[in-house]
Amino acid sequence: MAVHEVHSPLPGTFYRRSSPDAPPYAEAGDVIEAGGVIGLIEVMKQFTELQAEHGGKLLAFHVGNGDPVEPGQLVAVIETAD
């Protein structure tokens, strides 16, 4: 098993949902595919999808919904079979 980190590519606000009443893209414990969206980063009303580079089990988020993020900041951790 390997652990892969998902980092924010830009500064902004991290959101785990597409809208306040929508379900989260992913939860800790979910199995996600490579390229799967795990959240959004909003910068000046523009939203960028944050995708998992590797598929596997999402172990944890390290930032909360609505929290500010900086480039390179750890957002989530994924456990993979490789």
N, C-alpha and C. Protein backbone atom coordinates (compact mmCIF):
# COMPACT_ATOMS: atom_id res chain seq x y z
N MET A 1 0.83 -1.18 0.00
CA MET A 1 0.00 0.00 0.00
C MET A 1 0.88 1.25 0.00
N ALA A 2 0.45 2.22 -0.74
CA ALA A 2 1.15 3.50 -0.81
C ALA A 2 0.19 4.61 -0.42
N VAL A 3 0.72 5.69 0.08
CA VAL A 3 -0.09 6.84 0.46
C VAL A 3 0.29 8.00 -0.45
N HIS A 4 -0.73 8.61 -1.07
CA HIS A 4 -0.53 9.75 -1.95
C HIS A 4 -1.23 10.96 -1.36
N GLU A 5 -0.56 12.10 -1.43
CA GLU A 5 -1.12 13.34 -0.91
C GLU A 5 -1.71 14.16 -2.05
N VAL A 6 -2.83 14.81 -1.77
CA VAL A 6 -3.45 15.73 -2.72
C VAL A 6 -3.21 17.13 -2.18
N HIS A 7 -2.55 17.96 -3.00
CA HIS A 7 -2.20 19.32 -2.59
C HIS A 7 -2.99 20.34 -3.40
N SER A 8 -3.23 21.47 -2.81
CA SER A 8 -3.92 22.55 -3.51
C SER A 8 -2.99 23.13 -4.57
N PRO A 9 -3.47 23.27 -5.81
CA PRO A 9 -2.64 23.88 -6.84
C PRO A 9 -2.65 25.41 -6.80
N LEU A 10 -3.61 26.00 -6.09
CA LEU A 10 -3.72 27.45 -6.05
C LEU A 10 -4.28 27.94 -4.73
N PRO A 11 -4.15 29.24 -4.47
CA PRO A 11 -4.74 29.79 -3.27
C PRO A 11 -6.23 30.02 -3.47
N GLY A 12 -6.98 29.92 -2.42
CA GLY A 12 -8.42 30.17 -2.53
C GLY A 12 -9.16 29.56 -1.36
N THR A 13 -10.40 29.20 -1.60
CA THR A 13 -11.26 28.57 -0.59
C THR A 13 -11.63 27.19 -1.07
N PHE A 14 -11.44 26.19 -0.20
CA PHE A 14 -11.73 24.80 -0.55
C PHE A 14 -13.17 24.46 -0.18
N TYR A 15 -13.87 23.85 -1.12
CA TYR A 15 -15.24 23.40 -0.88
C TYR A 15 -15.36 21.92 -1.21
N ARG A 16 -16.01 21.18 -0.35
CA ARG A 16 -16.21 19.74 -0.57
C ARG A 16 -17.49 19.45 -1.34
N ARG A 17 -18.30 20.48 -1.60
CA ARG A 17 -19.60 20.31 -2.29
C ARG A 17 -19.70 21.33 -3.42
N SER A 18 -20.53 21.01 -4.42
CA SER A 18 -20.72 21.94 -5.53
C SER A 18 -21.65 23.09 -5.16
N SER A 19 -22.49 22.90 -4.14
CA SER A 19 -23.36 23.95 -3.60
C SER A 19 -23.67 23.58 -2.15
N PRO A 20 -24.16 24.54 -1.37
CA PRO A 20 -24.39 24.26 0.05
C PRO A 20 -25.34 23.09 0.33
N ASP A 21 -26.29 22.84 -0.57
CA ASP A 21 -27.25 21.75 -0.32
C ASP A 21 -26.93 20.47 -1.11
N ALA A 22 -25.82 20.45 -1.82
CA ALA A 22 -25.41 19.26 -2.58
C ALA A 22 -24.62 18.31 -1.68
N PRO A 23 -24.62 17.03 -2.00
CA PRO A 23 -23.81 16.09 -1.22
C PRO A 23 -22.31 16.33 -1.50
N PRO A 24 -21.45 15.94 -0.57
CA PRO A 24 -20.01 16.10 -0.80
C PRO A 24 -19.55 15.27 -2.00
N TYR A 25 -18.52 15.75 -2.66
CA TYR A 25 -17.93 14.97 -3.75
C TYR A 25 -17.41 13.63 -3.24
N ALA A 26 -16.79 13.65 -2.07
CA ALA A 26 -16.22 12.43 -1.49
C ALA A 26 -16.15 12.59 0.03
N GLU A 27 -16.17 11.46 0.69
CA GLU A 27 -16.05 11.42 2.15
C GLU A 27 -14.84 10.55 2.50
N ALA A 28 -14.26 10.77 3.67
CA ALA A 28 -13.20 9.89 4.15
C ALA A 28 -13.75 8.46 4.19
N GLY A 29 -12.98 7.53 3.68
CA GLY A 29 -13.40 6.13 3.62
C GLY A 29 -13.92 5.72 2.26
N ASP A 30 -14.26 6.69 1.41
CA ASP A 30 -14.75 6.38 0.06
C ASP A 30 -13.60 5.87 -0.81
N VAL A 31 -13.94 4.99 -1.75
CA VAL A 31 -12.99 4.57 -2.77
C VAL A 31 -13.23 5.47 -3.98
N ILE A 32 -12.18 6.12 -4.43
CA ILE A 32 -12.30 7.06 -5.55
C ILE A 32 -11.39 6.61 -6.69
N GLU A 33 -11.72 7.02 -7.88
CA GLU A 33 -10.93 6.68 -9.06
C GLU A 33 -9.96 7.81 -9.37
N ALA A 34 -8.88 7.46 -10.05
CA ALA A 34 -7.94 8.48 -10.51
C ALA A 34 -8.69 9.47 -11.39
N GLY A 35 -8.49 10.74 -11.18
CA GLY A 35 -9.20 11.78 -11.92
C GLY A 35 -10.52 12.16 -11.31
N GLY A 36 -10.94 11.47 -10.26
CA GLY A 36 -12.20 11.79 -9.59
C GLY A 36 -12.10 13.11 -8.83
N VAL A 37 -13.18 13.87 -8.87
CA VAL A 37 -13.22 15.17 -8.18
C VAL A 37 -13.45 14.94 -6.69
N ILE A 38 -12.61 15.58 -5.87
CA ILE A 38 -12.80 15.47 -4.42
C ILE A 38 -13.21 16.81 -3.81
N GLY A 39 -13.17 17.88 -4.60
CA GLY A 39 -13.57 19.18 -4.09
C GLY A 39 -13.35 20.26 -5.14
N LEU A 40 -13.62 21.49 -4.71
CA LEU A 40 -13.45 22.66 -5.57
C LEU A 40 -12.60 23.69 -4.83
N ILE A 41 -11.84 24.46 -5.61
CA ILE A 41 -11.13 25.60 -5.04
C ILE A 41 -11.65 26.83 -5.75
N GLU A 42 -12.15 27.77 -4.95
CA GLU A 42 -12.74 29.00 -5.49
C GLU A 42 -11.76 30.14 -5.32
N VAL A 43 -11.52 30.84 -6.43
CA VAL A 43 -10.68 32.04 -6.43
C VAL A 43 -11.45 33.11 -7.18
N MET A 44 -11.86 34.14 -6.49
CA MET A 44 -12.57 35.27 -7.09
C MET A 44 -13.75 34.81 -7.95
N LYS A 45 -14.58 33.96 -7.39
CA LYS A 45 -15.81 33.46 -8.02
C LYS A 45 -15.57 32.52 -9.19
N GLN A 46 -14.32 32.06 -9.37
CA GLN A 46 -14.03 31.03 -10.37
C GLN A 46 -13.70 29.75 -9.63
N PHE A 47 -14.31 28.64 -10.06
CA PHE A 47 -14.16 27.37 -9.37
C PHE A 47 -13.31 26.42 -10.20
N THR A 48 -12.33 25.80 -9.55
CA THR A 48 -11.45 24.82 -10.18
C THR A 48 -11.63 23.49 -9.46
N GLU A 49 -11.88 22.43 -10.22
CA GLU A 49 -12.03 21.11 -9.61
C GLU A 49 -10.68 20.62 -9.10
N LEU A 50 -10.70 20.04 -7.91
CA LEU A 50 -9.52 19.39 -7.35
C LEU A 50 -9.71 17.90 -7.54
N GLN A 51 -8.85 17.30 -8.35
CA GLN A 51 -8.99 15.90 -8.71
C GLN A 51 -7.92 15.05 -8.04
N ALA A 52 -8.27 13.80 -7.79
CA ALA A 52 -7.32 12.83 -7.27
C ALA A 52 -6.44 12.35 -8.41
N GLU A 53 -5.15 12.41 -8.24
CA GLU A 53 -4.24 11.91 -9.28
C GLU A 53 -4.17 10.39 -9.26
N HIS A 54 -4.47 9.80 -8.12
CA HIS A 54 -4.40 8.35 -7.96
C HIS A 54 -5.73 7.84 -7.42
N GLY A 55 -6.14 6.67 -7.87
CA GLY A 55 -7.34 6.05 -7.33
C GLY A 55 -7.01 5.28 -6.06
N GLY A 56 -7.98 5.13 -5.20
CA GLY A 56 -7.78 4.39 -3.96
C GLY A 56 -8.78 4.82 -2.91
N LYS A 57 -8.44 4.51 -1.67
CA LYS A 57 -9.31 4.85 -0.54
C LYS A 57 -8.91 6.22 0.02
N LEU A 58 -9.88 7.12 0.09
CA LEU A 58 -9.66 8.45 0.65
C LEU A 58 -9.56 8.30 2.16
N LEU A 59 -8.37 8.48 2.69
CA LEU A 59 -8.17 8.29 4.13
C LEU A 59 -8.67 9.47 4.96
N ALA A 60 -8.36 10.68 4.52
CA ALA A 60 -8.74 11.85 5.33
C ALA A 60 -8.61 13.14 4.54
N PHE A 61 -9.42 14.11 4.93
CA PHE A 61 -9.24 15.49 4.48
C PHE A 61 -8.46 16.22 5.56
N HIS A 62 -7.57 17.11 5.15
CA HIS A 62 -6.78 17.89 6.10
C HIS A 62 -7.20 19.34 6.15
N VAL A 63 -8.23 19.69 5.39
CA VAL A 63 -8.85 21.02 5.47
C VAL A 63 -10.36 20.82 5.47
N GLY A 64 -11.06 21.71 6.08
CA GLY A 64 -12.51 21.62 6.15
C GLY A 64 -13.20 22.36 5.02
N ASN A 65 -14.46 22.08 4.86
CA ASN A 65 -15.28 22.77 3.87
C ASN A 65 -15.32 24.26 4.19
N GLY A 66 -14.96 25.08 3.20
CA GLY A 66 -14.96 26.53 3.40
C GLY A 66 -13.68 27.09 3.96
N ASP A 67 -12.67 26.23 4.17
CA ASP A 67 -11.39 26.70 4.72
C ASP A 67 -10.53 27.31 3.61
N PRO A 68 -9.73 28.32 3.95
CA PRO A 68 -8.79 28.87 2.98
C PRO A 68 -7.64 27.89 2.77
N VAL A 69 -7.11 27.84 1.54
CA VAL A 69 -5.95 27.00 1.23
C VAL A 69 -4.91 27.82 0.49
N GLU A 70 -3.68 27.39 0.59
CA GLU A 70 -2.55 28.01 -0.09
C GLU A 70 -1.97 27.02 -1.09
N PRO A 71 -1.28 27.49 -2.12
CA PRO A 71 -0.66 26.57 -3.07
C PRO A 71 0.28 25.60 -2.35
N GLY A 72 0.16 24.32 -2.67
CA GLY A 72 1.01 23.31 -2.07
C GLY A 72 0.51 22.77 -0.74
N GLN A 73 -0.56 23.34 -0.21
CA GLN A 73 -1.09 22.89 1.08
C GLN A 73 -1.73 21.52 0.93
N LEU A 74 -1.50 20.65 1.90
CA LEU A 74 -2.08 19.31 1.92
C LEU A 74 -3.60 19.42 2.12
N VAL A 75 -4.35 18.81 1.20
CA VAL A 75 -5.80 18.84 1.28
C VAL A 75 -6.35 17.48 1.71
N ALA A 76 -5.81 16.40 1.12
CA ALA A 76 -6.33 15.07 1.42
C ALA A 76 -5.25 14.03 1.22
N VAL A 77 -5.52 12.82 1.76
CA VAL A 77 -4.58 11.70 1.64
C VAL A 77 -5.34 10.51 1.10
N ILE A 78 -4.75 9.84 0.10
CA ILE A 78 -5.36 8.68 -0.54
C ILE A 78 -4.42 7.49 -0.41
N GLU A 79 -4.97 6.34 -0.02
CA GLU A 79 -4.20 5.10 0.07
C GLU A 79 -4.45 4.29 -1.20
N THR A 80 -3.37 3.88 -1.85
CA THR A 80 -3.50 3.12 -3.10
C THR A 80 -2.84 1.76 -2.95
N ALA A 81 -3.11 0.88 -3.90
CA ALA A 81 -2.55 -0.45 -3.89
C ALA A 81 -1.14 -0.50 -4.46
N ASP A 82 -0.70 0.58 -5.13
CA ASP A 82 0.63 0.55 -5.75
C ASP A 82 1.69 1.18 -4.90
